[in-house]
C-alpha atoms as a PDB file:
ATOM      1  CA  MET A   1       7.221  -9.782  13.602  1.00  0.00           C
ATOM      2  CA  SER A   2       6.490  -9.301   9.908  1.00  0.00           C
ATOM      3  CA  SER A   3       6.646  -6.571   7.278  1.00  0.00           C
ATOM      4  CA  TYR A   4       3.596  -5.941   5.090  1.00  0.00           C
ATOM      5  CA  PHE A   5       4.043  -3.909   1.912  1.00  0.00           C
ATOM      6  CA  ILE A   6       0.844  -2.204   0.766  1.00  0.00           C
ATOM      7  CA  THR A   7       0.950  -1.480  -2.947  1.00  0.00           C
ATOM      8  CA  GLY A   8      -1.701  -0.716  -5.542  1.00  0.00           C
ATOM      9  CA  ILE A   9      -2.659  -1.383  -9.143  1.00  0.00           C
ATOM     10  CA  GLY A  10      -2.365   2.380  -9.696  1.00  0.00           C
ATOM     11  CA  THR A  11      -2.766   5.774  -8.082  1.00  0.00           C
ATOM     12  CA  ASP A  12      -5.754   6.641  -5.875  1.00  0.00           C
ATOM     13  CA  VAL A  13      -7.054   3.096  -5.512  1.00  0.00           C
ATOM     14  CA  GLY A  14      -7.225   3.239  -1.703  1.00  0.00           C
ATOM     15  CA  LYS A  15      -3.746   2.278  -0.487  1.00  0.00           C
ATOM     16  CA  THR A  16      -3.733   4.691   2.447  1.00  0.00           C
ATOM     17  CA  VAL A  17      -7.106   3.511   3.740  1.00  0.00           C
ATOM     18  CA  ALA A  18      -5.989  -0.101   3.339  1.00  0.00           C
ATOM     19  CA  ALA A  19      -2.734   0.721   5.141  1.00  0.00           C
ATOM     20  CA  ALA A  20      -4.680   2.270   8.034  1.00  0.00           C
ATOM     21  CA  ILE A  21      -6.838  -0.840   8.292  1.00  0.00           C
ATOM     22  CA  ALA A  22      -3.809  -3.153   8.262  1.00  0.00           C
ATOM     23  CA  THR A  23      -1.901  -0.998  10.766  1.00  0.00           C
ATOM     24  CA  LEU A  24      -4.757  -1.222  13.255  1.00  0.00           C
ATOM     25  CA  ALA A  25      -5.642  -4.872  12.583  1.00  0.00           C
ATOM     26  CA  LEU A  26      -2.035  -6.026  13.041  1.00  0.00           C
ATOM     27  CA  ASP A  27      -1.146  -3.613  15.871  1.00  0.00           C
ATOM     28  CA  ALA A  28       1.682  -2.409  13.653  1.00  0.00           C
ATOM     29  CA  ASP A  29       3.969   0.539  13.044  1.00  0.00           C
ATOM     30  CA  TYR A  30       3.451   2.517   9.830  1.00  0.00           C
ATOM     31  CA  TRP A  31       5.995   3.835   7.342  1.00  0.00           C
ATOM     32  CA  LYS A  32       5.800   5.403   3.889  1.00  0.00           C
ATOM     33  CA  PRO A  33       9.317   5.568   2.400  1.00  0.00           C
ATOM     34  CA  ILE A  34       8.589   8.270  -0.195  1.00  0.00           C
ATOM     35  CA  GLN A  35       5.899  10.951  -0.053  1.00  0.00           C
ATOM     36  CA  SER A  36       5.377  13.511  -2.762  1.00  0.00           C
ATOM     37  CA  GLY A  37       3.000  16.361  -3.330  1.00  0.00           C
ATOM     38  CA  LEU A  38       0.500  16.394  -0.490  1.00  0.00           C
ATOM     39  CA  THR A  39       0.235  19.295   1.944  1.00  0.00           C
ATOM     40  CA  GLU A  40      -0.888  16.700   4.463  1.00  0.00           C
ATOM     41  CA  THR A  41       1.168  13.514   4.270  1.00  0.00           C
ATOM     42  CA  ASP A  42      -0.311  10.030   4.135  1.00  0.00           C
ATOM     43  CA  ARG A  43       1.392   9.512   7.497  1.00  0.00           C
ATOM     44  CA  GLY A  44      -0.667  12.424   8.838  1.00  0.00           C
ATOM     45  CA  THR A  45      -3.839  10.953   7.364  1.00  0.00           C
ATOM     46  CA  ILE A  46      -3.124   7.582   8.972  1.00  0.00           C
ATOM     47  CA  LYS A  47      -2.570   9.250  12.358  1.00  0.00           C
ATOM     48  CA  GLU A  48      -5.926  11.029  12.053  1.00  0.00           C
ATOM     49  CA  LEU A  49      -7.665   7.774  11.175  1.00  0.00           C
ATOM     50  CA  LEU A  50      -6.004   5.962  14.102  1.00  0.00           C
ATOM     51  CA  PRO A  51      -6.207   8.516  16.945  1.00  0.00           C
ATOM     52  CA  ASP A  52      -5.805   5.929  19.702  1.00  0.00           C
ATOM     53  CA  HIS A  53      -3.175   3.757  18.052  1.00  0.00           C
ATOM     54  CA  THR A  54      -0.061   3.138  20.140  1.00  0.00           C
ATOM     55  CA  GLY A  55       2.226   2.148  17.275  1.00  0.00           C
ATOM     56  CA  THR A  56       4.854   4.436  15.783  1.00  0.00           C
ATOM     57  CA  PHE A  57       4.220   6.460  12.623  1.00  0.00           C
ATOM     58  CA  HIS A  58       7.740   6.601  11.230  1.00  0.00           C
ATOM     59  CA  PRO A  59       8.892   9.624   9.183  1.00  0.00           C
ATOM     60  CA  GLU A  60       9.433   9.322   5.453  1.00  0.00           C
ATOM     61  CA  SER A  61      12.900   8.789   4.019  1.00  0.00           C
ATOM     62  CA  TYR A  62      12.015  11.344   1.323  1.00  0.00           C
ATOM     63  CA  ARG A  63       9.400  14.087   1.605  1.00  0.00           C
ATOM     64  CA  LEU A  64       9.000  15.763  -1.792  1.00  0.00           C
ATOM     65  CA  LYS A  65       7.000  18.912  -2.539  1.00  0.00           C
ATOM     66  CA  THR A  66       5.805  18.442  -6.111  1.00  0.00           C
ATOM     67  CA  PRO A  67       2.714  16.276  -6.779  1.00  0.00           C
ATOM     68  CA  MET A  68       4.347  14.104  -9.437  1.00  0.00           C
ATOM     69  CA  SER A  69       6.047  10.734  -9.807  1.00  0.00           C
ATOM     70  CA  PRO A  70       8.848  10.547  -7.202  1.00  0.00           C
ATOM     71  CA  HIS A  71      11.623  10.585  -9.794  1.00  0.00           C
ATOM     72  CA  LYS A  72      10.383  13.862 -11.303  1.00  0.00           C
ATOM     73  CA  ALA A  73       9.368  15.414  -7.994  1.00  0.00           C
ATOM     74  CA  ALA A  74      12.866  14.718  -6.697  1.00  0.00           C
ATOM     75  CA  GLU A  75      14.422  16.278  -9.792  1.00  0.00           C
ATOM     76  CA  ILE A  76      12.340  19.433  -9.348  1.00  0.00           C
ATOM     77  CA  ASP A  77      13.204  19.587  -5.655  1.00  0.00           C
ATOM     78  CA  GLY A  78      16.893  19.103  -6.393  1.00  0.00           C
ATOM     79  CA  VAL A  79      16.988  15.805  -4.546  1.00  0.00           C
ATOM     80  CA  SER A  80      18.573  12.506  -5.572  1.00  0.00           C
ATOM     81  CA  ILE A  81      16.680   9.418  -4.415  1.00  0.00           C
ATOM     82  CA  THR A  82      18.918   6.419  -3.727  1.00  0.00           C
ATOM     83  CA  LEU A  83      18.042   3.008  -2.327  1.00  0.00           C
ATOM     84  CA  ASP A  84      20.858   3.315   0.216  1.00  0.00           C
ATOM     85  CA  ASN A  85      19.103   6.278   1.836  1.00  0.00           C
ATOM     86  CA  ILE A  86      15.819   4.406   2.224  1.00  0.00           C
ATOM     87  CA  LYS A  87      16.379   2.479   5.438  1.00  0.00           C
ATOM     88  CA  ARG A  88      13.566   0.567   7.063  1.00  0.00           C
ATOM     89  CA  PRO A  89      12.812   1.662  10.617  1.00  0.00           C
ATOM     90  CA  GLN A  90      13.775  -0.725  13.369  1.00  0.00           C
ATOM     91  CA  THR A  91      10.809  -1.960  15.380  1.00  0.00           C
ATOM     92  CA  SER A  92       9.750  -4.896  17.512  1.00  0.00           C
ATOM     93  CA  LYS A  93       6.230  -4.637  16.059  1.00  0.00           C
ATOM     94  CA  ASN A  94       4.771  -5.562  12.710  1.00  0.00           C
ATOM     95  CA  LEU A  95       5.584  -2.924  10.088  1.00  0.00           C
ATOM     96  CA  ILE A  96       3.151  -1.651   7.471  1.00  0.00           C
ATOM     97  CA  ILE A  97       4.951  -0.103   4.487  1.00  0.00           C
ATOM     98  CA  GLU A  98       2.925   1.961   2.024  1.00  0.00           C
ATOM     99  CA  GLY A  99       4.206   2.404  -1.502  1.00  0.00           C
ATOM    100  CA  ALA A 100       3.563   5.322  -3.855  1.00  0.00           C
ATOM    101  CA  GLY A 101       1.289   4.707  -6.841  1.00  0.00           C
ATOM    102  CA  GLY A 102       1.810   1.314  -8.461  1.00  0.00           C
ATOM    103  CA  LEU A 103       4.691  -1.130  -8.715  1.00  0.00           C
ATOM    104  CA  LEU A 104       6.498   0.509 -11.628  1.00  0.00           C
ATOM    105  CA  VAL A 105       6.356   4.099 -10.435  1.00  0.00           C
ATOM    106  CA  PRO A 106       9.949   5.345 -10.930  1.00  0.00           C
ATOM    107  CA  ILE A 107      11.867   6.650  -7.944  1.00  0.00           C
ATOM    108  CA  ASN A 108      14.975   7.485 -10.011  1.00  0.00           C
ATOM    109  CA  ASP A 109      16.365   6.613 -13.447  1.00  0.00           C
ATOM    110  CA  GLN A 110      16.997   2.972 -12.493  1.00  0.00           C
ATOM    111  CA  HIS A 111      14.608   1.917  -9.757  1.00  0.00           C
ATOM    112  CA  THR A 112      10.883   1.692  -9.119  1.00  0.00           C
ATOM    113  CA  ILE A 113       8.652   1.196  -6.082  1.00  0.00           C
ATOM    114  CA  ALA A 114       8.962  -2.569  -6.586  1.00  0.00           C
ATOM    115  CA  ASP A 115      12.692  -2.298  -5.831  1.00  0.00           C
ATOM    116  CA  LEU A 116      11.807  -1.276  -2.265  1.00  0.00           C
ATOM    117  CA  MET A 117      10.189  -4.664  -1.658  1.00  0.00           C
ATOM    118  CA  LEU A 118      11.883  -7.683  -0.099  1.00  0.00           C
ATOM    119  CA  PRO A 119      11.125 -11.373  -0.692  1.00  0.00           C
ATOM    120  CA  THR A 120      10.232 -11.624   2.994  1.00  0.00           C
ATOM    121  CA  ASP A 121       7.543  -8.936   2.723  1.00  0.00           C
ATOM    122  CA  LYS A 122       3.914  -9.963   2.808  1.00  0.00           C
ATOM    123  CA  ILE A 123       2.782  -7.945  -0.193  1.00  0.00           C
ATOM    124  CA  VAL A 124      -0.830  -6.769  -0.141  1.00  0.00           C
ATOM    125  CA  LEU A 125      -2.207  -5.469  -3.439  1.00  0.00           C
ATOM    126  CA  VAL A 126      -5.012  -2.913  -3.388  1.00  0.00           C
ATOM    127  CA  SER A 127      -7.315  -3.233  -6.377  1.00  0.00           C
ATOM    128  CA  SER A 128     -10.407  -1.323  -7.453  1.00  0.00           C
ATOM    129  CA  GLY A 129     -13.382  -1.830  -9.749  1.00  0.00           C
ATOM    130  CA  TYR A 130     -12.889   0.563 -12.630  1.00  0.00           C
ATOM    131  CA  LEU A 131     -13.027  -0.670 -16.211  1.00  0.00           C
ATOM    132  CA  GLY A 132      -9.585  -2.142 -16.872  1.00  0.00           C
ATOM    133  CA  SER A 133      -8.839  -2.999 -13.262  1.00  0.00           C
ATOM    134  CA  ILE A 134      -8.812  -6.753 -13.940  1.00  0.00           C
ATOM    135  CA  ASN A 135      -5.997  -6.291 -16.434  1.00  0.00           C
ATOM    136  CA  HIS A 136      -4.063  -3.986 -14.113  1.00  0.00           C
ATOM    137  CA  THR A 137      -4.494  -6.368 -11.181  1.00  0.00           C
ATOM    138  CA  LEU A 138      -3.333  -9.450 -13.090  1.00  0.00           C
ATOM    139  CA  LEU A 139      -0.419  -7.529 -14.599  1.00  0.00           C
ATOM    140  CA  SER A 140       0.677  -6.409 -11.132  1.00  0.00           C
ATOM    141  CA  ILE A 141       0.548  -9.963  -9.791  1.00  0.00           C
ATOM    142  CA  SER A 142       2.447 -11.256 -12.821  1.00  0.00           C
ATOM    143  CA  TYR A 143       5.143  -8.611 -12.447  1.00  0.00           C
ATOM    144  CA  LEU A 144       5.639  -9.457  -8.783  1.00  0.00           C
ATOM    145  CA  LYS A 145       6.141 -13.123  -9.741  1.00  0.00           C
ATOM    146  CA  SER A 146       8.688 -12.134 -12.378  1.00  0.00           C
ATOM    147  CA  LYS A 147      10.684 -10.337  -9.670  1.00  0.00           C
ATOM    148  CA  GLY A 148      10.614 -13.318  -7.310  1.00  0.00           C
ATOM    149  CA  LEU A 149       8.026 -11.623  -5.112  1.00  0.00           C
ATOM    150  CA  LYS A 150       4.672 -12.984  -4.007  1.00  0.00           C
ATOM    151  CA  CYS A 151       1.355 -11.203  -3.762  1.00  0.00           C
ATOM    152  CA  ALA A 152       0.042 -12.519  -0.445  1.00  0.00           C
ATOM    153  CA  GLY A 153      -3.482 -11.152  -0.754  1.00  0.00           C
ATOM    154  CA  ILE A 154      -5.715  -8.519  -2.307  1.00  0.00           C
ATOM    155  CA  ILE A 155      -7.877  -5.826  -0.724  1.00  0.00           C
ATOM    156  CA  TYR A 156     -10.580  -4.593  -3.111  1.00  0.00           C
ATOM    157  CA  ASN A 157     -11.851  -1.029  -2.927  1.00  0.00           C
ATOM    158  CA  HIS A 158     -15.504  -0.514  -3.977  1.00  0.00           C
ATOM    159  CA  VAL A 159     -15.713  -3.073  -6.768  1.00  0.00           C
ATOM    160  CA  ASP A 160     -19.170  -2.752  -8.323  1.00  0.00           C
ATOM    161  CA  LEU A 161     -18.602  -4.681 -11.561  1.00  0.00           C
ATOM    162  CA  ASP A 162     -20.021  -8.194 -11.221  1.00  0.00           C
ATOM    163  CA  GLY A 163     -17.503 -11.000 -11.669  1.00  0.00           C
ATOM    164  CA  THR A 164     -14.394  -8.847 -11.188  1.00  0.00           C
ATOM    165  CA  ILE A 165     -13.210 -10.421  -7.942  1.00  0.00           C
ATOM    166  CA  ASP A 166     -14.182 -13.956  -9.010  1.00  0.00           C
ATOM    167  CA  ILE A 167     -12.134 -13.930 -12.207  1.00  0.00           C
ATOM    168  CA  ILE A 168      -9.081 -12.413 -10.513  1.00  0.00           C
ATOM    169  CA  GLU A 169      -9.186 -15.109  -7.829  1.00  0.00           C
ATOM    170  CA  LYS A 170      -9.550 -17.879 -10.437  1.00  0.00           C
ATOM    171  CA  MET A 171      -6.804 -16.625 -12.750  1.00  0.00           C
ATOM    172  CA  SER A 172      -4.265 -15.564 -10.121  1.00  0.00           C
ATOM    173  CA  GLY A 173      -4.866 -17.879  -7.178  1.00  0.00           C
ATOM    174  CA  VAL A 174      -4.330 -14.886  -4.879  1.00  0.00           C
ATOM    175  CA  PRO A 175      -6.741 -14.843  -1.920  1.00  0.00           C
ATOM    176  CA  THR A 176      -9.071 -11.972  -1.140  1.00  0.00           C
ATOM    177  CA  ILE A 177      -8.438 -10.273   2.204  1.00  0.00           C
ATOM    178  CA  GLY A 178     -11.577  -8.170   2.052  1.00  0.00           C
ATOM    179  CA  HIS A 179     -13.704  -5.719   0.136  1.00  0.00           C
ATOM    180  CA  MET A 180     -14.125  -2.073   1.094  1.00  0.00           C
ATOM    181  CA  GLU A 181     -17.504  -0.680   0.074  1.00  0.00           C
ATOM    182  CA  ARG A 182     -18.046   2.820  -1.307  1.00  0.00           C
ATOM    183  CA  HIS A 183     -18.368   5.361   1.545  1.00  0.00           C
ATOM    184  CA  GLU A 184     -19.201   9.048   1.728  1.00  0.00           C
ATOM    185  CA  ALA A 185     -16.479   9.617   4.325  1.00  0.00           C
ATOM    186  CA  ILE A 186     -13.619   7.623   5.829  1.00  0.00           C
ATOM    187  CA  THR A 187     -13.760   7.834   9.623  1.00  0.00           C
ATOM    188  CA  PRO A 188     -11.802   6.278  12.503  1.00  0.00           C
ATOM    189  CA  GLN A 189     -14.827   4.113  13.337  1.00  0.00           C
ATOM    190  CA  LEU A 190     -14.978   2.847   9.765  1.00  0.00           C
ATOM    191  CA  ILE A 191     -11.301   1.877   9.962  1.00  0.00           C
ATOM    192  CA  LYS A 192     -11.987   0.034  13.227  1.00  0.00           C
ATOM    193  CA  ASP A 193     -14.851  -1.881  11.648  1.00  0.00           C
ATOM    194  CA  TYR A 194     -12.782  -2.953   8.652  1.00  0.00           C
ATOM    195  CA  ALA A 195      -9.782  -3.798  10.840  1.00  0.00           C
ATOM    196  CA  GLN A 196     -11.937  -6.181  12.836  1.00  0.00           C
ATOM    197  CA  GLU A 197     -13.378  -7.678   9.633  1.00  0.00           C
ATOM    198  CA  PHE A 198      -9.994  -8.136   7.888  1.00  0.00           C
ATOM    199  CA  LYS A 199      -7.902  -9.039  10.953  1.00  0.00           C
ATOM    200  CA  ALA A 200      -8.045 -12.835  10.695  1.00  0.00           C
ATOM    201  CA  LYS A 201      -7.129 -12.970   7.014  1.00  0.00           C
ATOM    202  CA  LEU A 202      -4.307 -10.454   7.428  1.00  0.00           C
ATOM    203  CA  GLU A 203      -2.879 -12.519  10.277  1.00  0.00           C
ATOM    204  CA  GLN A 204      -3.008 -15.657   8.078  1.00  0.00           C
ATOM    205  CA  LEU A 205      -0.874 -14.175   5.281  1.00  0.00           C
END
């Protein structure tokens, strides 16, 4: 079984939706190591989007109250985040791991989200189509390479700007897993449809 780390080029680019799709497509367990700020956790959102899923939705290692970067949220909550306390759940299934924000979001004074990744992880980058997203996507891929990590594939979230996906593919060599269109609402059926569409490429990573 494999571990898939879902990360993004920034905040609110669609990581949780992408994680739900991957969890269903790969018949996987789900885990978000650090959650901050939401009344309803991303784990709770994933469970709502996958009501019939038989995998395990593992609890967070850190559940922080303040809607800020984990390092600051932890400081406000009087919590110290350490890598030693972030232990991956044991499972016989594939494991989907969802990061917080982008790669360089600090979790303490020394470490970032990227430090939670392993060379054996199949890292899936979630990109979007806002002005500047090409730069952010290529920077994220370049940073992963500098850390000895590989971006296995990219999921794009409602990219409307013509040529965005083409130039990222040409300059990075990273394959496209799929493209999520813009939707009024995210429903369990929508997740099922995308899981079926993305399944083959996710399995090939």
